[in-house]
Amino acid sequence: MNRISNVIIRGIEKLLLVLTILLVAVTFLQVVCRFVLKIPTSWSEETVRFCFVWIIFLGAAVAVRENTHLMLDMLTSHLPPMAQKILRILVLVIIFVCAAVLLYGGTDYCIRTWDKSMVNMPLPAWCLNISAPLSSILIMWFDLQRLVEELRSGRKGEK
């Protein structure tokens, strides 16, 4: 399970790098064309939005895998270890439920817009809309992996 996750995460990180470079380059090009050359580009805004949406959704999956999503532990750090463990498990269950809701809603939206196309880019709309269901599957995969690790950590006699 870890080996598969490591391969997936390396692919996601490479894709995130490409999307970030593309986002910055197209944004820079858009500014130069609009304000320096006085020639607005019609496709640049949609391209930037496309990159941004994919970066957000894939970044959320990476954050779940790496346990780097935003958390406030001011109060929980003062709780006993068992209460902290229960809260960690609860948070992982909530993340899984939210990802399942995103999978359901994202899949429904993707199906409803399957035959549409993007306005200025020569791509079907599902290329953008499928980011939500795909990332929710990744979030659920990584979340289950972390949940199993969390549940196993108590059996080994760890604090």
N, C-alpha and C. Protein backbone atom coordinates (compact mmCIF):
# COMPACT_ATOMS: atom_id res chain seq x y z
N MET A 1 0.82 -1.20 0.00
CA MET A 1 0.00 0.00 0.00
C MET A 1 0.87 1.26 0.00
N ASN A 2 1.94 1.23 0.79
CA ASN A 2 2.85 2.38 0.83
C ASN A 2 3.56 2.58 -0.49
N ARG A 3 3.95 1.48 -1.13
CA ARG A 3 4.67 1.58 -2.39
C ARG A 3 3.80 2.23 -3.46
N ILE A 4 2.53 1.80 -3.52
CA ILE A 4 1.60 2.40 -4.48
C ILE A 4 1.41 3.88 -4.18
N SER A 5 1.24 4.21 -2.92
CA SER A 5 1.07 5.61 -2.52
C SER A 5 2.29 6.44 -2.87
N ASN A 6 3.47 5.88 -2.70
CA ASN A 6 4.70 6.63 -3.02
C ASN A 6 4.79 6.92 -4.52
N VAL A 7 4.41 5.95 -5.34
CA VAL A 7 4.41 6.17 -6.80
C VAL A 7 3.38 7.23 -7.17
N ILE A 8 2.20 7.11 -6.59
CA ILE A 8 1.13 8.08 -6.86
C ILE A 8 1.56 9.48 -6.45
N ILE A 9 2.14 9.61 -5.27
CA ILE A 9 2.50 10.93 -4.76
C ILE A 9 3.62 11.56 -5.59
N ARG A 10 4.57 10.75 -6.06
CA ARG A 10 5.63 11.29 -6.93
C ARG A 10 5.04 11.81 -8.23
N GLY A 11 4.08 11.08 -8.80
CA GLY A 11 3.42 11.55 -10.02
C GLY A 11 2.65 12.83 -9.79
N ILE A 12 1.93 12.88 -8.67
CA ILE A 12 1.17 14.09 -8.34
C ILE A 12 2.10 15.28 -8.16
N GLU A 13 3.22 15.08 -7.46
CA GLU A 13 4.16 16.19 -7.23
C GLU A 13 4.74 16.71 -8.53
N LYS A 14 5.04 15.80 -9.47
CA LYS A 14 5.55 16.24 -10.77
C LYS A 14 4.48 17.01 -11.54
N LEU A 15 3.25 16.52 -11.49
CA LEU A 15 2.15 17.21 -12.16
C LEU A 15 1.92 18.58 -11.53
N LEU A 16 1.99 18.66 -10.20
CA LEU A 16 1.83 19.94 -9.52
C LEU A 16 2.92 20.93 -9.93
N LEU A 17 4.13 20.45 -10.09
CA LEU A 17 5.23 21.32 -10.52
C LEU A 17 4.95 21.87 -11.92
N VAL A 18 4.55 21.01 -12.83
CA VAL A 18 4.24 21.45 -14.20
C VAL A 18 3.09 22.44 -14.21
N LEU A 19 2.03 22.14 -13.45
CA LEU A 19 0.88 23.04 -13.41
C LEU A 19 1.23 24.39 -12.80
N THR A 20 2.07 24.39 -11.78
CA THR A 20 2.48 25.66 -11.15
C THR A 20 3.32 26.50 -12.11
N ILE A 21 4.24 25.86 -12.80
CA ILE A 21 5.06 26.58 -13.78
C ILE A 21 4.18 27.15 -14.89
N LEU A 22 3.23 26.33 -15.36
CA LEU A 22 2.32 26.79 -16.41
C LEU A 22 1.46 27.95 -15.92
N LEU A 23 0.96 27.85 -14.70
CA LEU A 23 0.13 28.91 -14.13
C LEU A 23 0.90 30.23 -14.06
N VAL A 24 2.12 30.18 -13.56
CA VAL A 24 2.93 31.40 -13.44
C VAL A 24 3.28 31.95 -14.82
N ALA A 25 3.66 31.08 -15.75
CA ALA A 25 4.04 31.54 -17.09
C ALA A 25 2.87 32.17 -17.82
N VAL A 26 1.71 31.53 -17.75
CA VAL A 26 0.54 32.08 -18.46
C VAL A 26 0.08 33.37 -17.80
N THR A 27 0.12 33.44 -16.47
CA THR A 27 -0.25 34.69 -15.79
C THR A 27 0.69 35.82 -16.19
N PHE A 28 1.98 35.54 -16.23
CA PHE A 28 2.96 36.55 -16.65
C PHE A 28 2.70 36.98 -18.09
N LEU A 29 2.44 36.01 -18.96
CA LEU A 29 2.16 36.31 -20.36
C LEU A 29 0.89 37.16 -20.49
N GLN A 30 -0.11 36.84 -19.69
CA GLN A 30 -1.37 37.59 -19.71
C GLN A 30 -1.14 39.05 -19.32
N VAL A 31 -0.35 39.28 -18.29
CA VAL A 31 -0.06 40.64 -17.84
C VAL A 31 0.72 41.40 -18.91
N VAL A 32 1.72 40.77 -19.49
CA VAL A 32 2.52 41.43 -20.54
C VAL A 32 1.65 41.76 -21.75
N CYS A 33 0.85 40.78 -22.17
CA CYS A 33 0.00 41.03 -23.35
C CYS A 33 -1.03 42.11 -23.09
N ARG A 34 -1.63 42.10 -21.92
CA ARG A 34 -2.71 43.04 -21.65
C ARG A 34 -2.20 44.45 -21.39
N PHE A 35 -1.16 44.59 -20.56
CA PHE A 35 -0.75 45.92 -20.13
C PHE A 35 0.42 46.50 -20.92
N VAL A 36 1.24 45.66 -21.50
CA VAL A 36 2.38 46.18 -22.27
C VAL A 36 2.05 46.22 -23.75
N LEU A 37 1.57 45.09 -24.29
CA LEU A 37 1.29 45.02 -25.72
C LEU A 37 -0.13 45.47 -26.07
N LYS A 38 -0.97 45.66 -25.07
CA LYS A 38 -2.37 46.07 -25.26
C LYS A 38 -3.14 45.07 -26.13
N ILE A 39 -2.78 43.79 -26.01
CA ILE A 39 -3.46 42.72 -26.74
C ILE A 39 -3.95 41.70 -25.72
N PRO A 40 -5.21 41.75 -25.35
CA PRO A 40 -5.70 40.77 -24.37
C PRO A 40 -5.77 39.37 -24.98
N THR A 41 -5.47 38.39 -24.18
CA THR A 41 -5.57 37.00 -24.62
C THR A 41 -6.84 36.39 -24.04
N SER A 42 -7.60 35.74 -24.88
CA SER A 42 -8.88 35.20 -24.43
C SER A 42 -8.73 33.86 -23.69
N TRP A 43 -7.70 33.13 -23.99
CA TRP A 43 -7.54 31.78 -23.44
C TRP A 43 -6.78 31.76 -22.12
N SER A 44 -6.08 32.83 -21.79
CA SER A 44 -5.18 32.80 -20.64
C SER A 44 -5.92 32.69 -19.31
N GLU A 45 -7.02 33.39 -19.15
CA GLU A 45 -7.76 33.35 -17.88
C GLU A 45 -8.29 31.94 -17.62
N GLU A 46 -8.81 31.31 -18.65
CA GLU A 46 -9.33 29.96 -18.50
C GLU A 46 -8.21 28.95 -18.23
N THR A 47 -7.07 29.16 -18.83
CA THR A 47 -5.92 28.28 -18.59
C THR A 47 -5.43 28.41 -17.15
N VAL A 48 -5.36 29.63 -16.66
CA VAL A 48 -4.95 29.86 -15.28
C VAL A 48 -5.95 29.23 -14.31
N ARG A 49 -7.24 29.40 -14.58
CA ARG A 49 -8.27 28.78 -13.73
C ARG A 49 -8.15 27.26 -13.74
N PHE A 50 -7.92 26.69 -14.91
CA PHE A 50 -7.74 25.25 -15.06
C PHE A 50 -6.58 24.76 -14.18
N CYS A 51 -5.44 25.42 -14.30
CA CYS A 51 -4.26 25.05 -13.50
C CYS A 51 -4.53 25.21 -12.02
N PHE A 52 -5.16 26.32 -11.65
CA PHE A 52 -5.41 26.61 -10.25
C PHE A 52 -6.33 25.57 -9.62
N VAL A 53 -7.39 25.19 -10.31
CA VAL A 53 -8.33 24.20 -9.78
C VAL A 53 -7.61 22.86 -9.56
N TRP A 54 -6.84 22.43 -10.55
CA TRP A 54 -6.12 21.17 -10.41
C TRP A 54 -5.08 21.24 -9.28
N ILE A 55 -4.39 22.37 -9.15
CA ILE A 55 -3.40 22.53 -8.08
C ILE A 55 -4.07 22.44 -6.71
N ILE A 56 -5.22 23.09 -6.56
CA ILE A 56 -5.93 23.06 -5.28
C ILE A 56 -6.35 21.65 -4.91
N PHE A 57 -7.00 20.95 -5.84
CA PHE A 57 -7.50 19.62 -5.53
C PHE A 57 -6.38 18.61 -5.31
N LEU A 58 -5.38 18.62 -6.18
CA LEU A 58 -4.26 17.69 -6.00
C LEU A 58 -3.44 18.05 -4.76
N GLY A 59 -3.31 19.34 -4.48
CA GLY A 59 -2.61 19.78 -3.28
C GLY A 59 -3.31 19.32 -2.01
N ALA A 60 -4.64 19.28 -2.04
CA ALA A 60 -5.39 18.78 -0.88
C ALA A 60 -5.09 17.31 -0.64
N ALA A 61 -4.98 16.54 -1.71
CA ALA A 61 -4.65 15.12 -1.57
C ALA A 61 -3.24 14.94 -1.00
N VAL A 62 -2.31 15.74 -1.48
CA VAL A 62 -0.93 15.67 -0.95
C VAL A 62 -0.92 16.07 0.52
N ALA A 63 -1.69 17.07 0.89
CA ALA A 63 -1.75 17.51 2.28
C ALA A 63 -2.28 16.42 3.19
N VAL A 64 -3.26 15.67 2.73
CA VAL A 64 -3.78 14.56 3.53
C VAL A 64 -2.70 13.48 3.66
N ARG A 65 -2.02 13.18 2.57
CA ARG A 65 -0.97 12.15 2.60
C ARG A 65 0.17 12.53 3.54
N GLU A 66 0.59 13.78 3.47
CA GLU A 66 1.74 14.23 4.24
C GLU A 66 1.36 14.76 5.63
N ASN A 67 0.07 14.78 5.93
CA ASN A 67 -0.44 15.29 7.20
C ASN A 67 0.00 16.75 7.42
N THR A 68 -0.12 17.54 6.36
CA THR A 68 0.30 18.94 6.44
C THR A 68 -0.87 19.90 6.28
N HIS A 69 -2.09 19.39 6.34
CA HIS A 69 -3.22 20.30 6.25
C HIS A 69 -3.29 21.13 7.53
N LEU A 70 -3.98 22.23 7.42
CA LEU A 70 -4.06 23.18 8.53
C LEU A 70 -4.73 22.56 9.74
N MET A 71 -4.08 22.69 10.89
CA MET A 71 -4.70 22.22 12.13
C MET A 71 -4.25 23.12 13.28
N LEU A 72 -5.14 23.26 14.22
CA LEU A 72 -4.85 24.03 15.42
C LEU A 72 -4.75 23.05 16.58
N ASP A 73 -3.58 22.95 17.15
CA ASP A 73 -3.42 21.98 18.23
C ASP A 73 -3.15 22.65 19.58
N MET A 74 -3.54 23.91 19.70
CA MET A 74 -3.35 24.61 20.97
C MET A 74 -4.04 23.89 22.12
N LEU A 75 -5.27 23.46 21.87
CA LEU A 75 -6.03 22.79 22.93
C LEU A 75 -5.73 21.29 22.99
N THR A 76 -5.66 20.67 21.84
CA THR A 76 -5.50 19.21 21.83
C THR A 76 -4.13 18.76 22.35
N SER A 77 -3.13 19.60 22.24
CA SER A 77 -1.80 19.19 22.72
C SER A 77 -1.76 19.05 24.24
N HIS A 78 -2.72 19.61 24.94
CA HIS A 78 -2.78 19.51 26.40
C HIS A 78 -3.63 18.34 26.88
N LEU A 79 -4.23 17.62 25.96
CA LEU A 79 -5.06 16.47 26.32
C LEU A 79 -4.19 15.24 26.56
N PRO A 80 -4.71 14.25 27.26
CA PRO A 80 -3.97 13.00 27.43
C PRO A 80 -3.76 12.30 26.08
N PRO A 81 -2.74 11.47 25.97
CA PRO A 81 -2.42 10.81 24.69
C PRO A 81 -3.60 10.04 24.08
N MET A 82 -4.39 9.36 24.89
CA MET A 82 -5.51 8.59 24.36
C MET A 82 -6.57 9.52 23.76
N ALA A 83 -6.83 10.65 24.39
CA ALA A 83 -7.80 11.61 23.86
C ALA A 83 -7.29 12.22 22.55
N GLN A 84 -5.99 12.47 22.47
CA GLN A 84 -5.39 12.97 21.24
C GLN A 84 -5.56 11.96 20.11
N LYS A 85 -5.34 10.69 20.43
CA LYS A 85 -5.48 9.64 19.43
C LYS A 85 -6.92 9.56 18.94
N ILE A 86 -7.88 9.63 19.85
CA ILE A 86 -9.29 9.58 19.48
C ILE A 86 -9.65 10.76 18.59
N LEU A 87 -9.14 11.93 18.90
CA LEU A 87 -9.40 13.12 18.07
C LEU A 87 -8.78 12.98 16.69
N ARG A 88 -7.56 12.42 16.62
CA ARG A 88 -6.92 12.20 15.32
C ARG A 88 -7.75 11.25 14.46
N ILE A 89 -8.25 10.19 15.09
CA ILE A 89 -9.09 9.24 14.36
C ILE A 89 -10.38 9.90 13.91
N LEU A 90 -10.97 10.70 14.78
CA LEU A 90 -12.20 11.42 14.43
C LEU A 90 -11.98 12.36 13.25
N VAL A 91 -10.87 13.07 13.26
CA VAL A 91 -10.55 13.98 12.16
C VAL A 91 -10.38 13.20 10.85
N LEU A 92 -9.72 12.06 10.91
CA LEU A 92 -9.53 11.24 9.71
C LEU A 92 -10.87 10.72 9.18
N VAL A 93 -11.77 10.36 10.08
CA VAL A 93 -13.11 9.91 9.65
C VAL A 93 -13.87 11.07 9.00
N ILE A 94 -13.78 12.26 9.59
CA ILE A 94 -14.45 13.43 9.02
C ILE A 94 -13.88 13.76 7.64
N ILE A 95 -12.57 13.68 7.49
CA ILE A 95 -11.94 13.92 6.19
C ILE A 95 -12.46 12.91 5.17
N PHE A 96 -12.57 11.65 5.56
CA PHE A 96 -13.05 10.62 4.66
C PHE A 96 -14.49 10.91 4.23
N VAL A 97 -15.34 11.29 5.18
CA VAL A 97 -16.74 11.60 4.86
C VAL A 97 -16.82 12.80 3.91
N CYS A 98 -16.05 13.84 4.18
CA CYS A 98 -16.04 15.01 3.30
C CYS A 98 -15.57 14.65 1.90
N ALA A 99 -14.55 13.80 1.81
CA ALA A 99 -14.07 13.37 0.50
C ALA A 99 -15.11 12.53 -0.22
N ALA A 100 -15.86 11.71 0.52
CA ALA A 100 -16.92 10.91 -0.09
C ALA A 100 -18.03 11.81 -0.64
N VAL A 101 -18.38 12.86 0.11
CA VAL A 101 -19.38 13.82 -0.37
C VAL A 101 -18.86 14.53 -1.62
N LEU A 102 -17.59 14.92 -1.62
CA LEU A 102 -16.98 15.55 -2.79
C LEU A 102 -16.97 14.59 -3.98
N LEU A 103 -16.71 13.33 -3.73
CA LEU A 103 -16.73 12.33 -4.80
C LEU A 103 -18.12 12.23 -5.40
N TYR A 104 -19.13 12.17 -4.56
CA TYR A 104 -20.51 12.07 -5.05
C TYR A 104 -20.90 13.32 -5.84
N GLY A 105 -20.71 14.49 -5.24
CA GLY A 105 -21.10 15.73 -5.90
C GLY A 105 -20.26 16.01 -7.14
N GLY A 106 -18.97 15.75 -7.05
CA GLY A 106 -18.09 15.99 -8.19
C GLY A 106 -18.39 15.07 -9.35
N THR A 107 -18.70 13.82 -9.05
CA THR A 107 -19.05 12.87 -10.10
C THR A 107 -20.36 13.27 -10.76
N ASP A 108 -21.33 13.65 -9.96
CA ASP A 108 -22.62 14.09 -10.50
C ASP A 108 -22.43 15.30 -11.42
N TYR A 109 -21.67 16.28 -10.97
CA TYR A 109 -21.43 17.47 -11.78
C TYR A 109 -20.68 17.13 -13.06
N CYS A 110 -19.70 16.25 -12.93
CA CYS A 110 -18.90 15.83 -14.09
C CYS A 110 -19.79 15.13 -15.13
N ILE A 111 -20.69 14.29 -14.67
CA ILE A 111 -21.61 13.59 -15.58
C ILE A 111 -22.55 14.59 -16.26
N ARG A 112 -23.05 15.54 -15.49
CA ARG A 112 -23.99 16.52 -16.05
C ARG A 112 -23.33 17.44 -17.07
N THR A 113 -22.03 17.66 -16.97
CA THR A 113 -21.34 18.57 -17.89
C THR A 113 -20.43 17.81 -18.86
N TRP A 114 -20.63 16.52 -18.99
CA TRP A 114 -19.74 15.70 -19.80
C TRP A 114 -19.67 16.14 -21.26
N ASP A 115 -20.80 16.55 -21.81
CA ASP A 115 -20.84 16.90 -23.24
C ASP A 115 -20.56 18.38 -23.50
N LYS A 116 -20.27 19.13 -22.47
CA LYS A 116 -19.95 20.57 -22.63
C LYS A 116 -18.48 20.73 -23.00
N SER A 117 -18.15 21.91 -23.50
CA SER A 117 -16.75 22.21 -23.78
C SER A 117 -16.37 23.50 -23.07
N MET A 118 -15.08 23.69 -22.90
CA MET A 118 -14.60 24.91 -22.27
C MET A 118 -14.79 26.06 -23.26
N VAL A 119 -14.92 27.26 -22.73
CA VAL A 119 -15.28 28.40 -23.57
C VAL A 119 -14.14 28.79 -24.52
N ASN A 120 -12.94 28.97 -24.00
CA ASN A 120 -11.85 29.48 -24.82
C ASN A 120 -10.75 28.47 -25.10
N MET A 121 -10.77 27.36 -24.43
CA MET A 121 -9.75 26.34 -24.65
C MET A 121 -10.35 25.19 -25.44
N PRO A 122 -9.57 24.57 -26.29
CA PRO A 122 -10.11 23.47 -27.10
C PRO A 122 -10.13 22.15 -26.33
N LEU A 123 -10.75 22.18 -25.16
CA LEU A 123 -10.84 20.99 -24.31
C LEU A 123 -12.27 20.78 -23.87
N PRO A 124 -12.66 19.53 -23.67
CA PRO A 124 -13.99 19.31 -23.09
C PRO A 124 -13.99 19.74 -21.63
N ALA A 125 -15.15 20.12 -21.12
CA ALA A 125 -15.25 20.63 -19.75
C ALA A 125 -14.91 19.56 -18.72
N TRP A 126 -15.07 18.29 -19.06
CA TRP A 126 -14.78 17.24 -18.07
C TRP A 126 -13.30 17.24 -17.70
N CYS A 127 -12.43 17.76 -18.55
CA CYS A 127 -11.00 17.81 -18.22
C CYS A 127 -10.76 18.65 -16.96
N LEU A 128 -11.57 19.65 -16.76
CA LEU A 128 -11.49 20.47 -15.55
C LEU A 128 -12.33 19.86 -14.42
N ASN A 129 -13.54 19.44 -14.75
CA ASN A 129 -14.49 19.00 -13.73
C ASN A 129 -14.13 17.67 -13.09
N ILE A 130 -13.33 16.87 -13.77
CA ILE A 130 -12.98 15.56 -13.21
C ILE A 130 -11.94 15.68 -12.10
N SER A 131 -11.41 16.88 -11.92
CA SER A 131 -10.42 17.09 -10.86
C SER A 131 -11.02 16.82 -9.47
N ALA A 132 -12.27 17.16 -9.27
CA ALA A 132 -12.90 16.94 -7.95
C ALA A 132 -13.07 15.46 -7.63
N PRO A 133 -13.69 14.65 -8.51
CA PRO A 133 -13.80 13.23 -8.16
C PRO A 133 -12.46 12.51 -8.08
N LEU A 134 -11.53 12.85 -8.97
CA LEU A 134 -10.23 12.18 -8.91
C LEU A 134 -9.48 12.50 -7.62
N SER A 135 -9.48 13.76 -7.26
CA SER A 135 -8.78 14.14 -6.03
C SER A 135 -9.48 13.58 -4.80
N SER A 136 -10.80 13.48 -4.83
CA SER A 136 -11.49 12.89 -3.67
C SER A 136 -11.14 11.42 -3.52
N ILE A 137 -10.97 10.71 -4.62
CA ILE A 137 -10.53 9.31 -4.53
C ILE A 137 -9.13 9.24 -3.92
N LEU A 138 -8.25 10.13 -4.36
CA LEU A 138 -6.90 10.17 -3.79
C LEU A 138 -6.93 10.53 -2.30
N ILE A 139 -7.76 11.49 -1.94
CA ILE A 139 -7.88 11.89 -0.53
C ILE A 139 -8.37 10.71 0.30
N MET A 140 -9.37 9.99 -0.21
CA MET A 140 -9.90 8.84 0.51
C MET A 140 -8.85 7.74 0.65
N TRP A 141 -8.08 7.51 -0.40
CA TRP A 141 -7.01 6.50 -0.37
C TRP A 141 -5.96 6.85 0.69
N PHE A 142 -5.46 8.08 0.63
CA PHE A 142 -4.44 8.50 1.58
C PHE A 142 -4.99 8.56 3.00
N ASP A 143 -6.24 8.98 3.13
CA ASP A 143 -6.86 9.06 4.44
C ASP A 143 -7.03 7.67 5.06
N LEU A 144 -7.47 6.71 4.26
CA LEU A 144 -7.59 5.33 4.77
C LEU A 144 -6.24 4.79 5.20
N GLN A 145 -5.23 5.10 4.43
CA GLN A 145 -3.87 4.66 4.78
C GLN A 145 -3.45 5.26 6.12
N ARG A 146 -3.69 6.53 6.31
CA ARG A 146 -3.34 7.17 7.59
C ARG A 146 -4.18 6.64 8.73
N LEU A 147 -5.46 6.35 8.46
CA LEU A 147 -6.34 5.81 9.49
C LEU A 147 -5.87 4.43 9.94
N VAL A 148 -5.47 3.60 9.00
CA VAL A 148 -4.94 2.27 9.35
C VAL A 148 -3.67 2.42 10.18
N GLU A 149 -2.79 3.33 9.78
CA GLU A 149 -1.56 3.56 10.55
C GLU A 149 -1.88 4.04 11.96
N GLU A 150 -2.86 4.92 12.07
CA GLU A 150 -3.24 5.45 13.39
C GLU A 150 -3.83 4.36 14.27
N LEU A 151 -4.65 3.51 13.71
CA LEU A 151 -5.25 2.42 14.48
C LEU A 151 -4.21 1.38 14.88
N ARG A 152 -3.25 1.12 14.01
CA ARG A 152 -2.19 0.15 14.33
C ARG A 152 -1.21 0.68 15.36
N SER A 153 -1.03 2.00 15.43
CA SER A 153 -0.03 2.57 16.35
C SER A 153 -0.36 2.25 17.79
N GLY A 154 -1.63 2.11 18.15
CA GLY A 154 -2.01 1.80 19.53
C GLY A 154 -1.74 0.36 19.88
N ARG A 155 -1.77 -0.54 18.91
CA ARG A 155 -1.55 -1.95 19.18
C ARG A 155 -0.09 -2.28 19.45
N LYS A 156 0.80 -1.45 18.96
CA LYS A 156 2.23 -1.70 19.14
C LYS A 156 2.74 -1.25 20.49
N GLY A 157 1.86 -0.73 21.29
CA GLY A 157 2.27 -0.26 22.61
C GLY A 157 2.86 1.12 22.62
N GLU A 158 2.65 1.87 21.52
CA GLU A 158 3.17 3.23 21.47
C GLU A 158 2.30 4.14 22.31
N LYS A 159 2.88 5.25 22.73
CA LYS A 159 2.14 6.23 23.54
C LYS A 159 1.26 7.06 22.66
